Amino acid sequence: MEKLNTIFAHLWMVRTFLKHADEIQDDEELLDVPRTIFDYIRATEPAYQRKDTKEFLHRARGKLSKLKKATEVFAREHRRVSDHTNFQMAAQSLAGCVEAIQEILAKVGEA
């Protein structure tokens, strides 16, 4: 749970950057990315606060497909609004976080 929560902190920083990026404010498809990150992290938060590992992992697994889809959309589409290094790094960071989440969830199995 702690390793995943640290990864979620990285996701939160990507979310914050995207939420405030002027370049995507008129693009509903890209605005859905920070919303999805928010929903993913907040879905796990109550279980994390209760230290309920089983529920935390269940929620992390349950919302992962939506996070993966948002990650793919952002990687594919961010260049429409900006190919600035900030957006490139946000795409790389988002993809790296999703990959790390998947690895951890695969290792822990159903707790």
N, C-alpha and C. Protein backbone atom coordinates (compact mmCIF):
# COMPACT_ATOMS: atom_id res chain seq x y z
N MET A 1 0.81 -1.18 0.00
CA MET A 1 0.00 0.00 0.00
C MET A 1 0.86 1.26 0.00
N GLU A 2 1.92 1.25 0.76
CA GLU A 2 2.77 2.44 0.85
C GLU A 2 3.48 2.72 -0.48
N LYS A 3 3.95 1.67 -1.13
CA LYS A 3 4.61 1.88 -2.44
C LYS A 3 3.62 2.45 -3.44
N LEU A 4 2.41 1.91 -3.47
CA LEU A 4 1.40 2.43 -4.38
C LEU A 4 1.05 3.87 -4.03
N ASN A 5 0.94 4.18 -2.77
CA ASN A 5 0.59 5.53 -2.37
C ASN A 5 1.67 6.53 -2.80
N THR A 6 2.92 6.12 -2.79
CA THR A 6 4.00 6.99 -3.27
C THR A 6 3.87 7.22 -4.77
N ILE A 7 3.53 6.18 -5.50
CA ILE A 7 3.29 6.33 -6.94
C ILE A 7 2.11 7.25 -7.18
N PHE A 8 1.09 7.12 -6.35
CA PHE A 8 -0.09 7.99 -6.48
C PHE A 8 0.30 9.46 -6.26
N ALA A 9 1.28 9.71 -5.40
CA ALA A 9 1.75 11.08 -5.20
C ALA A 9 2.35 11.63 -6.50
N HIS A 10 3.06 10.79 -7.22
CA HIS A 10 3.61 11.22 -8.52
C HIS A 10 2.48 11.48 -9.51
N LEU A 11 1.50 10.59 -9.52
CA LEU A 11 0.33 10.80 -10.38
C LEU A 11 -0.36 12.12 -10.05
N TRP A 12 -0.45 12.42 -8.76
CA TRP A 12 -1.12 13.64 -8.33
C TRP A 12 -0.41 14.87 -8.89
N MET A 13 0.91 14.83 -8.97
CA MET A 13 1.66 15.96 -9.50
C MET A 13 1.41 16.11 -11.00
N VAL A 14 1.31 15.00 -11.73
CA VAL A 14 0.96 15.06 -13.15
C VAL A 14 -0.44 15.66 -13.28
N ARG A 15 -1.35 15.19 -12.46
CA ARG A 15 -2.72 15.71 -12.47
C ARG A 15 -2.74 17.22 -12.24
N THR A 16 -1.97 17.68 -11.26
CA THR A 16 -1.94 19.10 -10.95
C THR A 16 -1.41 19.92 -12.12
N PHE A 17 -0.34 19.43 -12.74
CA PHE A 17 0.20 20.12 -13.92
C PHE A 17 -0.86 20.22 -15.01
N LEU A 18 -1.51 19.09 -15.30
CA LEU A 18 -2.49 19.07 -16.38
C LEU A 18 -3.72 19.92 -16.04
N LYS A 19 -4.15 19.84 -14.81
CA LYS A 19 -5.34 20.60 -14.39
C LYS A 19 -5.16 22.10 -14.64
N HIS A 20 -3.94 22.58 -14.48
CA HIS A 20 -3.67 24.01 -14.59
C HIS A 20 -3.04 24.41 -15.93
N ALA A 21 -2.85 23.44 -16.82
CA ALA A 21 -2.22 23.74 -18.11
C ALA A 21 -3.22 24.46 -19.03
N ASP A 22 -2.92 25.68 -19.36
CA ASP A 22 -3.81 26.47 -20.24
C ASP A 22 -4.05 25.77 -21.57
N GLU A 23 -3.05 25.06 -22.05
CA GLU A 23 -3.13 24.44 -23.37
C GLU A 23 -4.27 23.43 -23.52
N ILE A 24 -4.69 22.81 -22.42
CA ILE A 24 -5.73 21.77 -22.55
C ILE A 24 -7.10 22.23 -22.08
N GLN A 25 -7.24 23.47 -21.65
CA GLN A 25 -8.49 23.92 -21.05
C GLN A 25 -9.69 23.85 -21.98
N ASP A 26 -9.47 23.89 -23.28
CA ASP A 26 -10.58 23.81 -24.24
C ASP A 26 -10.68 22.44 -24.91
N ASP A 27 -9.98 21.46 -24.38
CA ASP A 27 -9.95 20.13 -24.98
C ASP A 27 -10.54 19.11 -24.00
N GLU A 28 -11.81 18.79 -24.19
CA GLU A 28 -12.51 17.89 -23.25
C GLU A 28 -11.82 16.53 -23.14
N GLU A 29 -11.32 16.02 -24.25
CA GLU A 29 -10.67 14.70 -24.21
C GLU A 29 -9.45 14.73 -23.30
N LEU A 30 -8.65 15.77 -23.40
CA LEU A 30 -7.45 15.85 -22.55
C LEU A 30 -7.79 16.29 -21.13
N LEU A 31 -8.84 17.07 -20.96
CA LEU A 31 -9.25 17.44 -19.60
C LEU A 31 -9.74 16.22 -18.81
N ASP A 32 -10.16 15.20 -19.51
CA ASP A 32 -10.59 13.98 -18.84
C ASP A 32 -9.42 13.26 -18.16
N VAL A 33 -8.20 13.51 -18.61
CA VAL A 33 -7.03 12.84 -18.02
C VAL A 33 -6.84 13.25 -16.56
N PRO A 34 -6.74 14.53 -16.22
CA PRO A 34 -6.58 14.86 -14.79
C PRO A 34 -7.80 14.45 -13.96
N ARG A 35 -8.97 14.47 -14.55
CA ARG A 35 -10.16 14.01 -13.82
C ARG A 35 -10.07 12.52 -13.50
N THR A 36 -9.59 11.75 -14.45
CA THR A 36 -9.45 10.30 -14.25
C THR A 36 -8.40 10.01 -13.18
N ILE A 37 -7.29 10.74 -13.22
CA ILE A 37 -6.26 10.56 -12.19
C ILE A 37 -6.84 10.87 -10.82
N PHE A 38 -7.58 11.96 -10.73
CA PHE A 38 -8.22 12.36 -9.47
C PHE A 38 -9.14 11.24 -8.98
N ASP A 39 -10.01 10.76 -9.85
CA ASP A 39 -10.96 9.71 -9.47
C ASP A 39 -10.24 8.44 -9.01
N TYR A 40 -9.17 8.08 -9.71
CA TYR A 40 -8.42 6.87 -9.37
C TYR A 40 -7.84 6.98 -7.96
N ILE A 41 -7.17 8.07 -7.70
CA ILE A 41 -6.52 8.22 -6.40
C ILE A 41 -7.55 8.35 -5.27
N ARG A 42 -8.56 9.16 -5.51
CA ARG A 42 -9.57 9.37 -4.46
C ARG A 42 -10.36 8.09 -4.16
N ALA A 43 -10.49 7.21 -5.13
CA ALA A 43 -11.20 5.95 -4.90
C ALA A 43 -10.48 5.08 -3.88
N THR A 44 -9.16 5.20 -3.81
CA THR A 44 -8.37 4.38 -2.89
C THR A 44 -8.17 5.04 -1.53
N GLU A 45 -8.40 6.33 -1.47
CA GLU A 45 -8.07 7.11 -0.27
C GLU A 45 -8.74 6.63 1.02
N PRO A 46 -10.05 6.37 1.04
CA PRO A 46 -10.65 5.92 2.30
C PRO A 46 -10.04 4.61 2.82
N ALA A 47 -9.79 3.68 1.91
CA ALA A 47 -9.19 2.41 2.33
C ALA A 47 -7.76 2.63 2.84
N TYR A 48 -7.03 3.54 2.21
CA TYR A 48 -5.67 3.85 2.67
C TYR A 48 -5.72 4.43 4.08
N GLN A 49 -6.63 5.34 4.31
CA GLN A 49 -6.74 5.97 5.63
C GLN A 49 -7.10 4.96 6.71
N ARG A 50 -7.91 3.95 6.36
CA ARG A 50 -8.28 2.89 7.32
C ARG A 50 -7.23 1.79 7.40
N LYS A 51 -6.23 1.86 6.53
CA LYS A 51 -5.19 0.82 6.41
C LYS A 51 -5.82 -0.53 6.05
N ASP A 52 -6.84 -0.47 5.21
CA ASP A 52 -7.55 -1.66 4.73
C ASP A 52 -6.92 -2.08 3.40
N THR A 53 -5.89 -2.90 3.50
CA THR A 53 -5.12 -3.29 2.33
C THR A 53 -5.97 -3.99 1.29
N LYS A 54 -6.82 -4.89 1.71
CA LYS A 54 -7.64 -5.64 0.76
C LYS A 54 -8.53 -4.69 -0.06
N GLU A 55 -9.21 -3.78 0.59
CA GLU A 55 -10.08 -2.83 -0.10
C GLU A 55 -9.26 -1.87 -0.97
N PHE A 56 -8.12 -1.43 -0.47
CA PHE A 56 -7.24 -0.53 -1.21
C PHE A 56 -6.82 -1.18 -2.53
N LEU A 57 -6.38 -2.41 -2.46
CA LEU A 57 -5.94 -3.12 -3.67
C LEU A 57 -7.11 -3.39 -4.61
N HIS A 58 -8.25 -3.72 -4.04
CA HIS A 58 -9.45 -3.95 -4.84
C HIS A 58 -9.81 -2.69 -5.64
N ARG A 59 -9.80 -1.57 -4.99
CA ARG A 59 -10.14 -0.30 -5.66
C ARG A 59 -9.07 0.09 -6.67
N ALA A 60 -7.80 -0.14 -6.34
CA ALA A 60 -6.72 0.17 -7.27
C ALA A 60 -6.84 -0.67 -8.54
N ARG A 61 -7.21 -1.92 -8.39
CA ARG A 61 -7.41 -2.79 -9.55
C ARG A 61 -8.66 -2.38 -10.34
N GLY A 62 -9.71 -2.08 -9.61
CA GLY A 62 -11.00 -1.80 -10.24
C GLY A 62 -11.00 -0.58 -11.14
N LYS A 63 -10.20 0.40 -10.82
CA LYS A 63 -10.17 1.66 -11.59
C LYS A 63 -8.99 1.72 -12.56
N LEU A 64 -8.15 0.69 -12.56
CA LEU A 64 -6.93 0.74 -13.35
C LEU A 64 -7.20 0.82 -14.85
N SER A 65 -8.20 0.16 -15.35
CA SER A 65 -8.45 0.18 -16.80
C SER A 65 -8.77 1.61 -17.27
N LYS A 66 -9.50 2.37 -16.48
CA LYS A 66 -9.80 3.76 -16.85
C LYS A 66 -8.54 4.61 -16.83
N LEU A 67 -7.68 4.38 -15.85
CA LEU A 67 -6.42 5.12 -15.78
C LEU A 67 -5.53 4.77 -16.97
N LYS A 68 -5.48 3.50 -17.32
CA LYS A 68 -4.68 3.08 -18.48
C LYS A 68 -5.19 3.73 -19.76
N LYS A 69 -6.49 3.76 -19.92
CA LYS A 69 -7.08 4.38 -21.12
C LYS A 69 -6.73 5.86 -21.18
N ALA A 70 -6.86 6.58 -20.07
CA ALA A 70 -6.52 8.00 -20.03
C ALA A 70 -5.04 8.21 -20.35
N THR A 71 -4.20 7.33 -19.86
CA THR A 71 -2.76 7.40 -20.13
C THR A 71 -2.49 7.25 -21.62
N GLU A 72 -3.15 6.30 -22.24
CA GLU A 72 -2.98 6.07 -23.68
C GLU A 72 -3.47 7.27 -24.48
N VAL A 73 -4.60 7.82 -24.10
CA VAL A 73 -5.14 9.00 -24.78
C VAL A 73 -4.16 10.16 -24.67
N PHE A 74 -3.65 10.41 -23.48
CA PHE A 74 -2.74 11.52 -23.30
C PHE A 74 -1.45 11.33 -24.10
N ALA A 75 -0.90 10.13 -24.08
CA ALA A 75 0.32 9.86 -24.83
C ALA A 75 0.11 10.09 -26.33
N ARG A 76 -1.04 9.71 -26.81
CA ARG A 76 -1.35 9.80 -28.24
C ARG A 76 -1.74 11.23 -28.66
N GLU A 77 -2.42 11.95 -27.78
CA GLU A 77 -3.06 13.20 -28.19
C GLU A 77 -2.43 14.50 -27.67
N HIS A 78 -1.53 14.44 -26.72
CA HIS A 78 -1.04 15.69 -26.13
C HIS A 78 -0.35 16.59 -27.15
N ARG A 79 0.23 16.02 -28.17
CA ARG A 79 0.94 16.84 -29.16
C ARG A 79 0.00 17.77 -29.94
N ARG A 80 -1.29 17.46 -29.95
CA ARG A 80 -2.26 18.34 -30.61
C ARG A 80 -2.28 19.71 -29.96
N VAL A 81 -2.06 19.75 -28.64
CA VAL A 81 -2.10 21.02 -27.93
C VAL A 81 -0.71 21.55 -27.62
N SER A 82 0.24 20.65 -27.38
CA SER A 82 1.61 21.08 -27.11
C SER A 82 2.56 19.87 -27.14
N ASP A 83 3.71 20.09 -27.77
CA ASP A 83 4.76 19.09 -27.73
C ASP A 83 5.92 19.58 -26.85
N HIS A 84 5.61 20.53 -25.99
CA HIS A 84 6.60 21.07 -25.06
C HIS A 84 7.11 19.95 -24.16
N THR A 85 8.32 20.09 -23.71
CA THR A 85 8.94 19.10 -22.82
C THR A 85 8.07 18.80 -21.61
N ASN A 86 7.39 19.79 -21.07
CA ASN A 86 6.52 19.54 -19.91
C ASN A 86 5.46 18.49 -20.23
N PHE A 87 4.88 18.57 -21.40
CA PHE A 87 3.86 17.61 -21.80
C PHE A 87 4.47 16.25 -22.12
N GLN A 88 5.63 16.25 -22.73
CA GLN A 88 6.32 14.99 -23.01
C GLN A 88 6.65 14.26 -21.70
N MET A 89 7.16 15.01 -20.74
CA MET A 89 7.52 14.41 -19.45
C MET A 89 6.28 13.98 -18.67
N ALA A 90 5.20 14.75 -18.77
CA ALA A 90 3.96 14.35 -18.11
C ALA A 90 3.47 13.02 -18.69
N ALA A 91 3.54 12.87 -20.01
CA ALA A 91 3.12 11.62 -20.65
C ALA A 91 4.01 10.47 -20.20
N GLN A 92 5.31 10.71 -20.14
CA GLN A 92 6.25 9.67 -19.72
C GLN A 92 6.03 9.31 -18.25
N SER A 93 5.83 10.31 -17.42
CA SER A 93 5.61 10.07 -16.00
C SER A 93 4.31 9.29 -15.77
N LEU A 94 3.26 9.69 -16.45
CA LEU A 94 1.98 9.01 -16.33
C LEU A 94 2.10 7.55 -16.74
N ALA A 95 2.74 7.30 -17.88
CA ALA A 95 2.93 5.93 -18.35
C ALA A 95 3.79 5.12 -17.38
N GLY A 96 4.83 5.74 -16.84
CA GLY A 96 5.70 5.05 -15.88
C GLY A 96 4.97 4.71 -14.60
N CYS A 97 4.12 5.59 -14.14
CA CYS A 97 3.33 5.32 -12.93
C CYS A 97 2.37 4.16 -13.16
N VAL A 98 1.69 4.16 -14.30
CA VAL A 98 0.75 3.07 -14.60
C VAL A 98 1.50 1.74 -14.68
N GLU A 99 2.65 1.75 -15.32
CA GLU A 99 3.45 0.53 -15.41
C GLU A 99 3.86 0.04 -14.02
N ALA A 100 4.28 0.95 -13.16
CA ALA A 100 4.69 0.57 -11.80
C ALA A 100 3.50 0.04 -11.00
N ILE A 101 2.34 0.67 -11.16
CA ILE A 101 1.13 0.19 -10.48
C ILE A 101 0.82 -1.23 -10.92
N GLN A 102 0.86 -1.47 -12.21
CA GLN A 102 0.57 -2.81 -12.73
C GLN A 102 1.54 -3.84 -12.18
N GLU A 103 2.81 -3.49 -12.12
CA GLU A 103 3.84 -4.42 -11.60
C GLU A 103 3.55 -4.76 -10.15
N ILE A 104 3.27 -3.77 -9.35
CA ILE A 104 3.01 -4.01 -7.93
C ILE A 104 1.76 -4.85 -7.75
N LEU A 105 0.69 -4.51 -8.45
CA LEU A 105 -0.55 -5.28 -8.33
C LEU A 105 -0.34 -6.72 -8.77
N ALA A 106 0.46 -6.94 -9.78
CA ALA A 106 0.74 -8.30 -10.24
C ALA A 106 1.51 -9.09 -9.17
N LYS A 107 2.43 -8.43 -8.48
CA LYS A 107 3.24 -9.09 -7.46
C LYS A 107 2.42 -9.46 -6.22
N VAL A 108 1.50 -8.59 -5.84
CA VAL A 108 0.77 -8.84 -4.59
C VAL A 108 -0.42 -9.76 -4.78
N GLY A 109 -0.85 -9.95 -6.03
CA GLY A 109 -2.00 -10.81 -6.25
C GLY A 109 -3.22 -10.29 -5.50
N GLU A 110 -4.13 -11.14 -5.19
CA GLU A 110 -5.33 -10.75 -4.44
C GLU A 110 -5.03 -10.84 -2.94
N ALA A 111 -4.82 -9.69 -2.35
CA ALA A 111 -4.50 -9.67 -0.91
C ALA A 111 -5.76 -9.79 -0.08
